[in-house]
Amino acid sequence: MSDPVSQFEFLCPADQLVVDQFIELETRLDDQPCWLVATRRPDGPRAWLNVCPHAGRPLNWAPNQFIRDDQGQLVCAAHGAVFETDGGQCVAGPCQGASLKAVEVIEKDGQILRRVEG
């Protein structure tokens, strides 16, 4: 990748992301602290703002504690909305059809990095 390193923010070591497991990562967007939910898919890492589109609440039930269904999909702890993990679309629950807000991440040199707008 030809992007300068300064355009990326380190989020975590790449080995912390496991397929169909979710972790919470802290970052800053618009100069405000915020939390992401991240996972690994077979074709690479995924991350979204840790905010359910139904009621604006965090998806986890405790710090870094997320619920998965039997298919490995992310389940909102507050109201049970179910999100597929390729694109973050809600496939069941109160906000069906809505999507989580994706945050662009890449894996490079054993690190998970977030693209920072220049």
Protein backbone atom coordinates (compact mmCIF):
# COMPACT_ATOMS: atom_id res chain seq x y z
CA MET A 1 0.00 0.00 0.00
CA SER A 2 1.46 3.35 -0.96
CA ASP A 3 -0.28 5.48 1.67
CA PRO A 4 2.06 7.29 4.07
CA VAL A 5 2.13 5.82 7.59
CA SER A 6 0.98 9.19 8.95
CA GLN A 7 -2.45 8.59 7.38
CA PHE A 8 -3.13 5.63 9.67
CA GLU A 9 -3.76 5.26 13.38
CA PHE A 10 -2.69 2.12 15.24
CA LEU A 11 -5.68 0.38 16.87
CA CYS A 12 -4.37 -3.01 18.02
CA PRO A 13 -2.03 -5.88 17.15
CA ALA A 14 -3.52 -7.92 14.30
CA ASP A 15 -3.54 -11.13 16.33
CA GLN A 16 -6.14 -9.62 18.70
CA LEU A 17 -8.77 -9.89 15.95
CA VAL A 18 -10.21 -13.39 15.66
CA VAL A 19 -12.82 -14.53 13.11
CA ASP A 20 -16.34 -14.15 14.57
CA GLN A 21 -15.08 -12.70 17.87
CA PHE A 22 -15.63 -9.04 18.72
CA ILE A 23 -13.42 -6.58 20.57
CA GLU A 24 -13.86 -2.97 21.58
CA LEU A 25 -11.27 -0.45 20.42
CA GLU A 26 -10.89 3.18 21.44
CA THR A 27 -10.14 5.89 18.88
CA ARG A 28 -10.91 9.56 18.19
CA LEU A 29 -13.26 10.79 15.48
CA ASP A 30 -13.84 14.49 14.90
CA ASP A 31 -11.49 15.09 17.84
CA GLN A 32 -13.86 13.22 20.19
CA PRO A 33 -13.12 9.90 21.90
CA CYS A 34 -15.27 7.05 20.62
CA TRP A 35 -15.43 3.27 20.68
CA LEU A 36 -15.37 0.81 17.82
CA VAL A 37 -16.44 -2.81 17.63
CA ALA A 38 -14.04 -4.83 15.50
CA THR A 39 -13.78 -8.39 14.20
CA ARG A 40 -11.92 -10.40 11.63
CA ARG A 41 -13.61 -11.90 8.59
CA PRO A 42 -11.89 -14.46 6.33
CA ASP A 43 -11.05 -11.65 3.88
CA GLY A 44 -9.83 -9.12 6.45
CA PRO A 45 -10.66 -6.95 9.46
CA ARG A 46 -13.94 -5.06 9.92
CA ALA A 47 -14.83 -2.23 12.31
CA TRP A 48 -17.89 -0.11 13.04
CA LEU A 49 -18.80 2.57 15.51
CA ASN A 50 -20.02 0.82 18.65
CA VAL A 51 -23.46 2.41 18.33
CA CYS A 52 -26.69 0.57 17.56
CA PRO A 53 -28.73 2.43 14.91
CA HIS A 54 -31.95 1.55 16.79
CA ALA A 55 -31.45 3.63 19.94
CA GLY A 56 -27.89 4.95 19.78
CA ARG A 57 -26.69 2.71 22.58
CA PRO A 58 -23.45 0.69 22.68
CA LEU A 59 -23.78 -2.83 21.28
CA ASN A 60 -21.91 -4.48 24.17
CA TRP A 61 -23.36 -5.31 27.58
CA ALA A 62 -20.14 -4.55 29.49
CA PRO A 63 -16.70 -3.23 28.51
CA ASN A 64 -15.38 -5.42 25.69
CA GLN A 65 -18.23 -7.95 26.16
CA PHE A 66 -20.33 -8.64 23.05
CA ILE A 67 -23.07 -11.16 22.30
CA ARG A 68 -22.94 -13.43 19.24
CA ASP A 69 -25.71 -15.59 17.87
CA ASP A 70 -25.24 -19.20 16.68
CA GLN A 71 -24.14 -17.94 13.24
CA GLY A 72 -21.44 -15.67 14.71
CA GLN A 73 -23.43 -12.49 14.05
CA LEU A 74 -23.24 -9.51 16.41
CA VAL A 75 -26.27 -9.02 18.67
CA CYS A 76 -27.05 -5.71 20.36
CA ALA A 77 -27.23 -6.31 24.10
CA ALA A 78 -29.88 -3.62 24.64
CA HIS A 79 -32.68 -4.60 22.22
CA GLY A 80 -31.52 -7.76 20.41
CA ALA A 81 -30.85 -6.33 16.94
CA VAL A 82 -28.74 -8.81 14.92
CA PHE A 83 -25.99 -7.55 12.58
CA GLU A 84 -24.22 -9.57 9.90
CA THR A 85 -20.46 -9.15 10.02
CA ASP A 86 -19.56 -8.60 6.38
CA GLY A 87 -21.21 -5.19 6.01
CA GLY A 88 -22.81 -4.51 9.40
CA GLN A 89 -26.41 -4.63 8.17
CA CYS A 90 -29.15 -5.40 10.68
CA VAL A 91 -30.83 -8.64 9.61
CA ALA A 92 -33.26 -9.04 12.52
CA GLY A 93 -34.69 -6.95 15.32
CA PRO A 94 -36.00 -3.43 15.81
CA CYS A 95 -33.75 -1.72 13.22
CA GLN A 96 -33.86 -4.38 10.49
CA GLY A 97 -32.44 -2.99 7.24
CA ALA A 98 -30.35 -0.30 8.97
CA SER A 99 -26.57 -0.64 9.12
CA LEU A 100 -23.80 0.02 11.56
CA LYS A 101 -21.51 2.91 10.59
CA ALA A 102 -18.39 1.35 9.09
CA VAL A 103 -14.94 2.62 9.97
CA GLU A 104 -12.22 1.78 7.45
CA VAL A 105 -9.50 -0.41 8.89
CA ILE A 106 -6.63 -2.30 7.30
CA GLU A 107 -4.13 -4.91 8.40
CA LYS A 108 -0.52 -4.08 7.71
CA ASP A 109 2.73 -5.36 9.20
CA GLY A 110 0.94 -7.23 12.00
CA GLN A 111 -1.16 -4.23 13.02
CA ILE A 112 -4.77 -3.15 12.65
CA LEU A 113 -4.82 0.46 11.48
CA ARG A 114 -7.61 3.00 10.95
CA ARG A 115 -7.42 5.27 7.96
CA VAL A 116 -7.26 8.87 9.19
CA GLU A 117 -8.74 11.54 6.95
CA GLY A 118 -6.02 14.00 5.90
